[in-house]
Amino acid sequence: NRDRRGEYEQVIDEMFARTSTDRSPWVAVPADAKWHAR
């Protein structure tokens, strides 16, 4: 999956654009820092 990261980044952004709605929005959390993410 890591080898195909570029493809995954594109489909993730498309997923956000097409399924983030007023009633069930997406929230993206920066997770490089574990304490902050939790």
PDB file of all heavy atoms in Angstrom:
ATOM      1  N   ASN A   1       0.824  -1.205   0.000  1.00  0.00           N
ATOM      2  CA  ASN A   1       0.000   0.000   0.000  1.00  0.00           C
ATOM      3  C   ASN A   1       0.863   1.263   0.000  1.00  0.00           C
ATOM      4  O   ASN A   1       0.521   2.268  -0.629  1.00  0.00           O
ATOM      5  CB  ASN A   1      -0.930   0.007   1.216  1.00  0.00           C
ATOM      6  CG  ASN A   1      -2.021  -1.037   1.127  1.00  0.00           C
ATOM      7  OD1 ASN A   1      -2.245  -1.630   0.065  1.00  0.00           O
ATOM      8  ND2 ASN A   1      -2.689  -1.292   2.227  1.00  0.00           N
ATOM      9  N   ARG A   2       1.972   1.212   0.702  1.00  0.00           N
ATOM     10  CA  ARG A   2       2.873   2.371   0.759  1.00  0.00           C
ATOM     11  C   ARG A   2       3.429   2.680  -0.631  1.00  0.00           C
ATOM     12  O   ARG A   2       3.603   3.850  -0.996  1.00  0.00           O
ATOM     13  CB  ARG A   2       4.006   2.097   1.742  1.00  0.00           C
ATOM     14  CG  ARG A   2       5.013   3.231   1.862  1.00  0.00           C
ATOM     15  CD  ARG A   2       6.082   2.910   2.900  1.00  0.00           C
ATOM     16  NE  ARG A   2       7.178   3.864   2.821  1.00  0.00           N
ATOM     17  CZ  ARG A   2       7.193   5.051   3.399  1.00  0.00           C
ATOM     18  NH1 ARG A   2       6.164   5.452   4.107  1.00  0.00           N
ATOM     19  NH2 ARG A   2       8.235   5.853   3.267  1.00  0.00           N
ATOM     20  N   ASP A   3       3.704   1.655  -1.418  1.00  0.00           N
ATOM     21  CA  ASP A   3       4.224   1.855  -2.773  1.00  0.00           C
ATOM     22  C   ASP A   3       3.213   2.570  -3.671  1.00  0.00           C
ATOM     23  O   ASP A   3       3.588   3.147  -4.695  1.00  0.00           O
ATOM     24  CB  ASP A   3       4.611   0.514  -3.403  1.00  0.00           C
ATOM     25  CG  ASP A   3       5.897  -0.057  -2.806  1.00  0.00           C
ATOM     26  OD1 ASP A   3       6.673   0.729  -2.230  1.00  0.00           O
ATOM     27  OD2 ASP A   3       6.105  -1.275  -2.913  1.00  0.00           O
ATOM     28  N   ARG A   4       1.940   2.524  -3.303  1.00  0.00           N
ATOM     29  CA  ARG A   4       0.890   3.141  -4.115  1.00  0.00           C
ATOM     30  C   ARG A   4       0.312   4.377  -3.418  1.00  0.00           C
ATOM     31  O   ARG A   4      -0.829   4.758  -3.655  1.00  0.00           O
ATOM     32  CB  ARG A   4      -0.216   2.119  -4.406  1.00  0.00           C
ATOM     33  CG  ARG A   4       0.303   0.832  -5.010  1.00  0.00           C
ATOM     34  CD  ARG A   4      -0.794  -0.127  -5.409  1.00  0.00           C
ATOM     35  NE  ARG A   4      -1.461   0.306  -6.615  1.00  0.00           N
ATOM     36  CZ  ARG A   4      -2.321  -0.465  -7.312  1.00  0.00           C
ATOM     37  NH1 ARG A   4      -2.587  -1.683  -6.898  1.00  0.00           N
ATOM     38  NH2 ARG A   4      -2.900  -0.005  -8.391  1.00  0.00           N
ATOM     39  N   ARG A   5       1.128   5.008  -2.615  1.00  0.00           N
ATOM     40  CA  ARG A   5       0.649   6.132  -1.801  1.00  0.00           C
ATOM     41  C   ARG A   5       0.049   7.242  -2.657  1.00  0.00           C
ATOM     42  O   ARG A   5      -0.974   7.829  -2.304  1.00  0.00           O
ATOM     43  CB  ARG A   5       1.780   6.689  -0.938  1.00  0.00           C
ATOM     44  CG  ARG A   5       1.290   7.809  -0.005  1.00  0.00           C
ATOM     45  CD  ARG A   5       2.381   8.352   0.880  1.00  0.00           C
ATOM     46  NE  ARG A   5       1.876   9.460   1.670  1.00  0.00           N
ATOM     47  CZ  ARG A   5       1.526   9.394   2.952  1.00  0.00           C
ATOM     48  NH1 ARG A   5       1.622   8.254   3.593  1.00  0.00           N
ATOM     49  NH2 ARG A   5       1.070  10.467   3.593  1.00  0.00           N
ATOM     50  N   GLY A   6       0.673   7.564  -3.784  1.00  0.00           N
ATOM     51  CA  GLY A   6       0.153   8.627  -4.632  1.00  0.00           C
ATOM     52  C   GLY A   6      -1.274   8.357  -5.069  1.00  0.00           C
ATOM     53  O   GLY A   6      -2.126   9.265  -5.073  1.00  0.00           O
ATOM     54  N   GLU A   7      -1.559   7.097  -5.446  1.00  0.00           N
ATOM     55  CA  GLU A   7      -2.932   6.739  -5.831  1.00  0.00           C
ATOM     56  C   GLU A   7      -3.879   6.887  -4.652  1.00  0.00           C
ATOM     57  O   GLU A   7      -5.008   7.390  -4.798  1.00  0.00           O
ATOM     58  CB  GLU A   7      -2.974   5.301  -6.346  1.00  0.00           C
ATOM     59  CG  GLU A   7      -2.227   5.060  -7.650  1.00  0.00           C
ATOM     60  CD  GLU A   7      -2.268   3.611  -8.040  1.00  0.00           C
ATOM     61  OE1 GLU A   7      -3.364   3.125  -8.405  1.00  0.00           O
ATOM     62  OE2 GLU A   7      -1.213   2.946  -7.972  1.00  0.00           O
ATOM     63  N   TYR A   8      -3.423   6.436  -3.493  1.00  0.00           N
ATOM     64  CA  TYR A   8      -4.280   6.522  -2.313  1.00  0.00           C
ATOM     65  C   TYR A   8      -4.579   7.973  -1.945  1.00  0.00           C
ATOM     66  O   TYR A   8      -5.705   8.306  -1.552  1.00  0.00           O
ATOM     67  CB  TYR A   8      -3.643   5.793  -1.124  1.00  0.00           C
ATOM     68  CG  TYR A   8      -3.953   4.312  -1.106  1.00  0.00           C
ATOM     69  CD1 TYR A   8      -3.027   3.376  -1.546  1.00  0.00           C
ATOM     70  CD2 TYR A   8      -5.189   3.847  -0.657  1.00  0.00           C
ATOM     71  CE1 TYR A   8      -3.315   2.015  -1.531  1.00  0.00           C
ATOM     72  CE2 TYR A   8      -5.493   2.496  -0.644  1.00  0.00           C
ATOM     73  CZ  TYR A   8      -4.553   1.587  -1.079  1.00  0.00           C
ATOM     74  OH  TYR A   8      -4.854   0.246  -1.075  1.00  0.00           O
ATOM     75  N   GLU A   9      -3.596   8.844  -2.050  1.00  0.00           N
ATOM     76  CA  GLU A   9      -3.834  10.252  -1.729  1.00  0.00           C
ATOM     77  C   GLU A   9      -4.924  10.841  -2.625  1.00  0.00           C
ATOM     78  O   GLU A   9      -5.780  11.606  -2.158  1.00  0.00           O
ATOM     79  CB  GLU A   9      -2.539  11.046  -1.870  1.00  0.00           C
ATOM     80  CG  GLU A   9      -1.519  10.756  -0.770  1.00  0.00           C
ATOM     81  CD  GLU A   9      -0.205  11.474  -0.981  1.00  0.00           C
ATOM     82  OE1 GLU A   9       0.031  11.951  -2.121  1.00  0.00           O
ATOM     83  OE2 GLU A   9       0.589  11.559  -0.029  1.00  0.00           O
ATOM     84  N   GLN A  10      -4.903  10.483  -3.902  1.00  0.00           N
ATOM     85  CA  GLN A  10      -5.920  10.995  -4.826  1.00  0.00           C
ATOM     86  C   GLN A  10      -7.306  10.489  -4.461  1.00  0.00           C
ATOM     87  O   GLN A  10      -8.276  11.266  -4.442  1.00  0.00           O
ATOM     88  CB  GLN A  10      -5.566  10.584  -6.259  1.00  0.00           C
ATOM     89  CG  GLN A  10      -4.331  11.269  -6.820  1.00  0.00           C
ATOM     90  CD  GLN A  10      -4.013  10.814  -8.236  1.00  0.00           C
ATOM     91  OE1 GLN A  10      -4.846  10.215  -8.915  1.00  0.00           O
ATOM     92  NE2 GLN A  10      -2.805  11.092  -8.681  1.00  0.00           N
ATOM     93  N   VAL A  11      -7.425   9.190  -4.152  1.00  0.00           N
ATOM     94  CA  VAL A  11      -8.759   8.652  -3.871  1.00  0.00           C
ATOM     95  C   VAL A  11      -9.257   9.102  -2.493  1.00  0.00           C
ATOM     96  O   VAL A  11     -10.470   9.227  -2.279  1.00  0.00           O
ATOM     97  CB  VAL A  11      -8.794   7.115  -4.000  1.00  0.00           C
ATOM     98  CG1 VAL A  11      -8.392   6.682  -5.411  1.00  0.00           C
ATOM     99  CG2 VAL A  11      -7.930   6.425  -2.973  1.00  0.00           C
ATOM    100  N   ILE A  12      -8.345   9.362  -1.561  1.00  0.00           N
ATOM    101  CA  ILE A  12      -8.759   9.890  -0.253  1.00  0.00           C
ATOM    102  C   ILE A  12      -9.358  11.283  -0.419  1.00  0.00           C
ATOM    103  O   ILE A  12     -10.437  11.583   0.115  1.00  0.00           O
ATOM    104  CB  ILE A  12      -7.570   9.912   0.727  1.00  0.00           C
ATOM    105  CG1 ILE A  12      -7.183   8.483   1.121  1.00  0.00           C
ATOM    106  CG2 ILE A  12      -7.912  10.725   1.972  1.00  0.00           C
ATOM    107  CD1 ILE A  12      -5.821   8.369   1.765  1.00  0.00           C
ATOM    108  N   ASP A  13      -8.685  12.136  -1.164  1.00  0.00           N
ATOM    109  CA  ASP A  13      -9.225  13.481  -1.388  1.00  0.00           C
ATOM    110  C   ASP A  13     -10.555  13.430  -2.137  1.00  0.00           C
ATOM    111  O   ASP A  13     -11.462  14.224  -1.862  1.00  0.00           O
ATOM    112  CB  ASP A  13      -8.215  14.334  -2.155  1.00  0.00           C
ATOM    113  CG  ASP A  13      -7.149  14.940  -1.248  1.00  0.00           C
ATOM    114  OD1 ASP A  13      -7.378  15.033  -0.029  1.00  0.00           O
ATOM    115  OD2 ASP A  13      -6.077  15.324  -1.759  1.00  0.00           O
ATOM    116  N   GLU A  14     -10.684  12.505  -3.075  1.00  0.00           N
ATOM    117  CA  GLU A  14     -11.964  12.361  -3.777  1.00  0.00           C
ATOM    118  C   GLU A  14     -13.045  11.871  -2.815  1.00  0.00           C
ATOM    119  O   GLU A  14     -14.202  12.327  -2.883  1.00  0.00           O
ATOM    120  CB  GLU A  14     -11.835  11.407  -4.960  1.00  0.00           C
ATOM    121  CG  GLU A  14     -13.117  11.307  -5.771  1.00  0.00           C
ATOM    122  CD  GLU A  14     -12.979  10.480  -7.043  1.00  0.00           C
ATOM    123  OE1 GLU A  14     -11.859  10.014  -7.351  1.00  0.00           O
ATOM    124  OE2 GLU A  14     -14.012  10.296  -7.736  1.00  0.00           O
ATOM    125  N   MET A  15     -12.676  10.958  -1.922  1.00  0.00           N
ATOM    126  CA  MET A  15     -13.629  10.487  -0.919  1.00  0.00           C
ATOM    127  C   MET A  15     -14.122  11.647  -0.059  1.00  0.00           C
ATOM    128  O   MET A  15     -15.328  11.789   0.185  1.00  0.00           O
ATOM    129  CB  MET A  15     -12.968   9.430  -0.040  1.00  0.00           C
ATOM    130  CG  MET A  15     -13.823   8.944   1.127  1.00  0.00           C
ATOM    131  SD  MET A  15     -12.892   7.887   2.258  1.00  0.00           S
ATOM    132  CE  MET A  15     -11.863   9.114   3.111  1.00  0.00           C
ATOM    133  N   PHE A  16     -13.196  12.496   0.400  1.00  0.00           N
ATOM    134  CA  PHE A  16     -13.597  13.667   1.186  1.00  0.00           C
ATOM    135  C   PHE A  16     -14.571  14.532   0.386  1.00  0.00           C
ATOM    136  O   PHE A  16     -15.619  14.947   0.891  1.00  0.00           O
ATOM    137  CB  PHE A  16     -12.373  14.504   1.557  1.00  0.00           C
ATOM    138  CG  PHE A  16     -11.425  13.879   2.541  1.00  0.00           C
ATOM    139  CD1 PHE A  16     -10.082  14.246   2.549  1.00  0.00           C
ATOM    140  CD2 PHE A  16     -11.864  12.946   3.464  1.00  0.00           C
ATOM    141  CE1 PHE A  16      -9.195  13.696   3.467  1.00  0.00           C
ATOM    142  CE2 PHE A  16     -10.980  12.377   4.385  1.00  0.00           C
ATOM    143  CZ  PHE A  16      -9.645  12.758   4.379  1.00  0.00           C
ATOM    144  N   ALA A  17     -14.202  14.828  -0.857  1.00  0.00           N
ATOM    145  CA  ALA A  17     -14.989  15.752  -1.670  1.00  0.00           C
ATOM    146  C   ALA A  17     -16.395  15.225  -1.935  1.00  0.00           C
ATOM    147  O   ALA A  17     -17.351  15.999  -2.002  1.00  0.00           O
ATOM    148  CB  ALA A  17     -14.270  16.026  -2.991  1.00  0.00           C
ATOM    149  N   ARG A  18     -16.536  13.909  -2.067  1.00  0.00           N
ATOM    150  CA  ARG A  18     -17.816  13.347  -2.485  1.00  0.00           C
ATOM    151  C   ARG A  18     -18.670  12.809  -1.344  1.00  0.00           C
ATOM    152  O   ARG A  18     -19.855  12.513  -1.555  1.00  0.00           O
ATOM    153  CB  ARG A  18     -17.579  12.256  -3.529  1.00  0.00           C
ATOM    154  CG  ARG A  18     -16.885  12.789  -4.785  1.00  0.00           C
ATOM    155  CD  ARG A  18     -16.790  11.757  -5.888  1.00  0.00           C
ATOM    156  NE  ARG A  18     -18.109  11.371  -6.384  1.00  0.00           N
ATOM    157  CZ  ARG A  18     -18.306  10.559  -7.434  1.00  0.00           C
ATOM    158  NH1 ARG A  18     -17.259  10.090  -8.095  1.00  0.00           N
ATOM    159  NH2 ARG A  18     -19.517  10.238  -7.812  1.00  0.00           N
ATOM    160  N   THR A  19     -18.093  12.668  -0.150  1.00  0.00           N
ATOM    161  CA  THR A  19     -18.875  12.079   0.953  1.00  0.00           C
ATOM    162  C   THR A  19     -18.826  12.895   2.235  1.00  0.00           C
ATOM    163  O   THR A  19     -19.347  12.444   3.258  1.00  0.00           O
ATOM    164  CB  THR A  19     -18.396  10.640   1.257  1.00  0.00           C
ATOM    165  OG1 THR A  19     -17.035  10.672   1.704  1.00  0.00           O
ATOM    166  CG2 THR A  19     -18.520   9.743   0.029  1.00  0.00           C
ATOM    167  N   SER A  20     -18.219  14.075   2.215  1.00  0.00           N
ATOM    168  CA  SER A  20     -18.263  14.947   3.390  1.00  0.00           C
ATOM    169  C   SER A  20     -19.510  15.817   3.272  1.00  0.00           C
ATOM    170  O   SER A  20     -19.573  16.708   2.419  1.00  0.00           O
ATOM    171  CB  SER A  20     -17.000  15.813   3.468  1.00  0.00           C
ATOM    172  OG  SER A  20     -16.887  16.425   4.730  1.00  0.00           O
ATOM    173  N   THR A  21     -20.503  15.540   4.085  1.00  0.00           N
ATOM    174  CA  THR A  21     -21.796  16.210   3.990  1.00  0.00           C
ATOM    175  C   THR A  21     -22.049  17.026   5.250  1.00  0.00           C
ATOM    176  O   THR A  21     -21.357  16.895   6.255  1.00  0.00           O
ATOM    177  CB  THR A  21     -22.923  15.184   3.804  1.00  0.00           C
ATOM    178  OG1 THR A  21     -22.997  14.357   4.980  1.00  0.00           O
ATOM    179  CG2 THR A  21     -22.670  14.313   2.582  1.00  0.00           C
ATOM    180  N   ASP A  22     -23.086  17.869   5.192  1.00  0.00           N
ATOM    181  CA  ASP A  22     -23.427  18.685   6.349  1.00  0.00           C
ATOM    182  C   ASP A  22     -23.728  17.825   7.573  1.00  0.00           C
ATOM    183  O   ASP A  22     -23.356  18.171   8.690  1.00  0.00           O
ATOM    184  CB  ASP A  22     -24.630  19.569   6.041  1.00  0.00           C
ATOM    185  CG  ASP A  22     -24.280  20.737   5.135  1.00  0.00           C
ATOM    186  OD1 ASP A  22     -23.083  20.940   4.883  1.00  0.00           O
ATOM    187  OD2 ASP A  22     -25.208  21.435   4.686  1.00  0.00           O
ATOM    188  N   ARG A  23     -24.408  16.711   7.365  1.00  0.00           N
ATOM    189  CA  ARG A  23     -24.808  15.872   8.496  1.00  0.00           C
ATOM    190  C   ARG A  23     -23.708  14.926   8.950  1.00  0.00           C
ATOM    191  O   ARG A  23     -23.675  14.519  10.109  1.00  0.00           O
ATOM    192  CB  ARG A  23     -26.057  15.067   8.130  1.00  0.00           C
ATOM    193  CG  ARG A  23     -27.310  15.912   8.006  1.00  0.00           C
ATOM    194  CD  ARG A  23     -28.522  15.034   7.913  1.00  0.00           C
ATOM    195  NE  ARG A  23     -29.759  15.805   7.946  1.00  0.00           N
ATOM    196  CZ  ARG A  23     -30.955  15.260   8.107  1.00  0.00           C
ATOM    197  NH1 ARG A  23     -31.056  13.947   8.238  1.00  0.00           N
ATOM    198  NH2 ARG A  23     -32.031  16.000   8.135  1.00  0.00           N
ATOM    199  N   SER A  24     -22.843  14.519   8.054  1.00  0.00           N
ATOM    200  CA  SER A  24     -21.757  13.608   8.437  1.00  0.00           C
ATOM    201  C   SER A  24     -20.469  14.031   7.738  1.00  0.00           C
ATOM    202  O   SER A  24     -20.045  13.403   6.768  1.00  0.00           O
ATOM    203  CB  SER A  24     -22.109  12.148   8.117  1.00  0.00           C
ATOM    204  OG  SER A  24     -22.520  12.005   6.770  1.00  0.00           O
ATOM    205  N   PRO A  25     -19.871  15.115   8.222  1.00  0.00           N
ATOM    206  CA  PRO A  25     -18.652  15.632   7.592  1.00  0.00           C
ATOM    207  C   PRO A  25     -17.425  14.800   7.967  1.00  0.00           C
ATOM    208  O   PRO A  25     -17.389  14.141   9.009  1.00  0.00           O
ATOM    209  CB  PRO A  25     -18.540  17.046   8.170  1.00  0.00           C
ATOM    210  CG  PRO A  25     -19.164  16.928   9.526  1.00  0.00           C
ATOM    211  CD  PRO A  25     -20.300  15.950   9.368  1.00  0.00           C
ATOM    212  N   TRP A  26     -16.429  14.856   7.108  1.00  0.00           N
ATOM    213  CA  TRP A  26     -15.137  14.254   7.421  1.00  0.00           C
ATOM    214  C   TRP A  26     -14.292  15.235   8.229  1.00  0.00           C
ATOM    215  O   TRP A  26     -14.294  16.442   7.956  1.00  0.00           O
ATOM    216  CB  TRP A  26     -14.378  13.900   6.150  1.00  0.00           C
ATOM    217  CG  TRP A  26     -14.721  12.557   5.590  1.00  0.00           C
ATOM    218  CD1 TRP A  26     -15.482  12.300   4.480  1.00  0.00           C
ATOM    219  CD2 TRP A  26     -14.317  11.283   6.111  1.00  0.00           C
ATOM    220  NE1 TRP A  26     -15.581  10.938   4.277  1.00  0.00           N
ATOM    221  CE2 TRP A  26     -14.875  10.292   5.271  1.00  0.00           C
ATOM    222  CE3 TRP A  26     -13.547  10.882   7.196  1.00  0.00           C
ATOM    223  CZ2 TRP A  26     -14.670   8.926   5.485  1.00  0.00           C
ATOM    224  CZ3 TRP A  26     -13.349   9.534   7.413  1.00  0.00           C
ATOM    225  CH2 TRP A  26     -13.905   8.566   6.570  1.00  0.00           C
ATOM    226  N   VAL A  27     -13.556  14.708   9.190  1.00  0.00           N
ATOM    227  CA  VAL A  27     -12.543  15.474   9.909  1.00  0.00           C
ATOM    228  C   VAL A  27     -11.210  14.760   9.710  1.00  0.00           C
ATOM    229  O   VAL A  27     -11.085  13.575  10.037  1.00  0.00           O
ATOM    230  CB  VAL A  27     -12.871  15.579  11.410  1.00  0.00           C
ATOM    231  CG1 VAL A  27     -11.720  16.242  12.156  1.00  0.00           C
ATOM    232  CG2 VAL A  27     -14.159  16.354  11.620  1.00  0.00           C
ATOM    233  N   ALA A  28     -10.230  15.464   9.142  1.00  0.00           N
ATOM    234  CA  ALA A  28      -8.894  14.902   8.937  1.00  0.00           C
ATOM    235  C   ALA A  28      -7.994  15.361  10.074  1.00  0.00           C
ATOM    236  O   ALA A  28      -7.894  16.558  10.344  1.00  0.00           O
ATOM    237  CB  ALA A  28      -8.334  15.330   7.587  1.00  0.00           C
ATOM    238  N   VAL A  29      -7.355  14.410  10.729  1.00  0.00           N
ATOM    239  CA  VAL A  29      -6.535  14.690  11.909  1.00  0.00           C
ATOM    240  C   VAL A  29      -5.063  14.453  11.585  1.00  0.00           C
ATOM    241  O   VAL A  29      -4.688  13.335  11.233  1.00  0.00           O
ATOM    242  CB  VAL A  29      -6.950  13.787  13.085  1.00  0.00           C
ATOM    243  CG1 VAL A  29      -6.070  14.053  14.308  1.00  0.00           C
ATOM    244  CG2 VAL A  29      -8.424  13.981  13.421  1.00  0.00           C
ATOM    245  N   PRO A  30      -4.203  15.470  11.686  1.00  0.00           N
ATOM    246  CA  PRO A  30      -2.764  15.234  11.534  1.00  0.00           C
ATOM    247  C   PRO A  30      -2.290  14.271  12.625  1.00  0.00           C
ATOM    248  O   PRO A  30      -2.524  14.515  13.808  1.00  0.00           O
ATOM    249  CB  PRO A  30      -2.144  16.619  11.709  1.00  0.00           C
ATOM    250  CG  PRO A  30      -3.270  17.584  11.443  1.00  0.00           C
ATOM    251  CD  PRO A  30      -4.502  16.889  11.920  1.00  0.00           C
ATOM    252  N   ALA A  31      -1.634  13.174  12.244  1.00  0.00           N
ATOM    253  CA  ALA A  31      -1.340  12.111  13.204  1.00  0.00           C
ATOM    254  C   ALA A  31       0.144  11.815  13.364  1.00  0.00           C
ATOM    255  O   ALA A  31       0.501  10.793  13.957  1.00  0.00           O
ATOM    256  CB  ALA A  31      -2.085  10.831  12.796  1.00  0.00           C
ATOM    257  N   ASP A  32       1.024  12.695  12.855  1.00  0.00           N
ATOM    258  CA  ASP A  32       2.457  12.461  13.054  1.00  0.00           C
ATOM    259  C   ASP A  32       2.827  12.501  14.534  1.00  0.00           C
ATOM    260  O   ASP A  32       3.742  11.796  14.966  1.00  0.00           O
ATOM    261  CB  ASP A  32       3.278  13.513  12.291  1.00  0.00           C
ATOM    262  CG  ASP A  32       3.479  13.144  10.835  1.00  0.00           C
ATOM    263  OD1 ASP A  32       2.865  12.154  10.373  1.00  0.00           O
ATOM    264  OD2 ASP A  32       4.251  13.843  10.143  1.00  0.00           O
ATOM    265  N   ALA A  33       2.140  13.325  15.316  1.00  0.00           N
ATOM    266  CA  ALA A  33       2.352  13.393  16.760  1.00  0.00           C
ATOM    267  C   ALA A  33       1.210  12.630  17.438  1.00  0.00           C
ATOM    268  O   ALA A  33       0.063  13.063  17.400  1.00  0.00           O
ATOM    269  CB  ALA A  33       2.384  14.845  17.235  1.00  0.00           C
ATOM    270  N   LYS A  34       1.529  11.492  18.040  1.00  0.00           N
ATOM    271  CA  LYS A  34       0.493  10.620  18.582  1.00  0.00           C
ATOM    272  C   LYS A  34      -0.322  11.296  19.673  1.00  0.00           C
ATOM    273  O   LYS A  34      -1.550  11.147  19.721  1.00  0.00           O
ATOM    274  CB  LYS A  34       1.115   9.333  19.131  1.00  0.00           C
ATOM    275  CG  LYS A  34       1.661   8.400  18.076  1.00  0.00           C
ATOM    276  CD  LYS A  34       2.194   7.121  18.710  1.00  0.00           C
ATOM    277  CE  LYS A  34       2.738   6.165  17.662  1.00  0.00           C
ATOM    278  NZ  LYS A  34       3.255   4.910  18.283  1.00  0.00           N
ATOM    279  N   TRP A  35       0.333  12.031  20.573  1.00  0.00           N
ATOM    280  CA  TRP A  35      -0.404  12.675  21.658  1.00  0.00           C
ATOM    281  C   TRP A  35      -1.418  13.661  21.106  1.00  0.00           C
ATOM    282  O   TRP A  35      -2.576  13.696  21.535  1.00  0.00           O
ATOM    283  CB  TRP A  35       0.558  13.390  22.600  1.00  0.00           C
ATOM    284  CG  TRP A  35       1.457  12.489  23.385  1.00  0.00           C
ATOM    285  CD1 TRP A  35       1.358  11.120  23.472  1.00  0.00           C
ATOM    286  CD2 TRP A  35       2.565  12.875  24.199  1.00  0.00           C
ATOM    287  NE1 TRP A  35       2.355  10.639  24.283  1.00  0.00           N
ATOM    288  CE2 TRP A  35       3.111  11.686  24.757  1.00  0.00           C
ATOM    289  CE3 TRP A  35       3.155  14.096  24.515  1.00  0.00           C
ATOM    290  CZ2 TRP A  35       4.212  11.698  25.602  1.00  0.00           C
ATOM    291  CZ3 TRP A  35       4.246  14.122  25.367  1.00  0.00           C
ATOM    292  CH2 TRP A  35       4.777  12.931  25.907  1.00  0.00           C
ATOM    293  N   HIS A  36      -0.974  14.476  20.151  1.00  0.00           N
ATOM    294  CA  HIS A  36      -1.896  15.446  19.555  1.00  0.00           C
ATOM    295  C   HIS A  36      -3.069  14.743  18.884  1.00  0.00           C
ATOM    296  O   HIS A  36      -4.221  15.162  19.036  1.00  0.00           O
ATOM    297  CB  HIS A  36      -1.176  16.315  18.534  1.00  0.00           C
ATOM    298  CG  HIS A  36      -2.106  17.008  17.583  1.00  0.00           C
ATOM    299  ND1 HIS A  36      -2.968  18.009  17.988  1.00  0.00           N
ATOM    300  CD2 HIS A  36      -2.354  16.803  16.268  1.00  0.00           C
ATOM    301  CE1 HIS A  36      -3.687  18.403  16.952  1.00  0.00           C
ATOM    302  NE2 HIS A  36      -3.341  17.689  15.905  1.00  0.00           N
ATOM    303  N   ALA A  37      -2.796  13.683  18.125  1.00  0.00           N
ATOM    304  CA  ALA A  37      -3.852  12.995  17.390  1.00  0.00           C
ATOM    305  C   ALA A  37      -4.899  12.413  18.337  1.00  0.00           C
ATOM    306  O   ALA A  37      -6.106  12.522  18.084  1.00  0.00           O
ATOM    307  CB  ALA A  37      -3.249  11.902  16.514  1.00  0.00           C
ATOM    308  N   ARG A  38      -4.452  11.804  19.415  1.00  0.00           N
ATOM    309  CA  ARG A  38      -5.397  11.188  20.358  1.00  0.00           C
ATOM    310  C   ARG A  38      -6.303  12.237  21.000  1.00  0.00           C
ATOM    311  O   ARG A  38      -7.522  12.029  21.122  1.00  0.00           O
ATOM    312  CB  ARG A  38      -4.622  10.428  21.428  1.00  0.00           C
ATOM    313  CG  ARG A  38      -3.891   9.209  20.898  1.00  0.00           C
ATOM    314  CD  ARG A  38      -2.865   8.701  21.880  1.00  0.00           C
ATOM    315  NE  ARG A  38      -2.092   7.595  21.343  1.00  0.00           N
ATOM    316  CZ  ARG A  38      -1.003   7.094  21.920  1.00  0.00           C
ATOM    317  NH1 ARG A  38      -0.565   7.625  23.059  1.00  0.00           N
ATOM    318  NH2 ARG A  38      -0.352   6.086  21.369  1.00  0.00           N
TER     319      ARG A  38
END
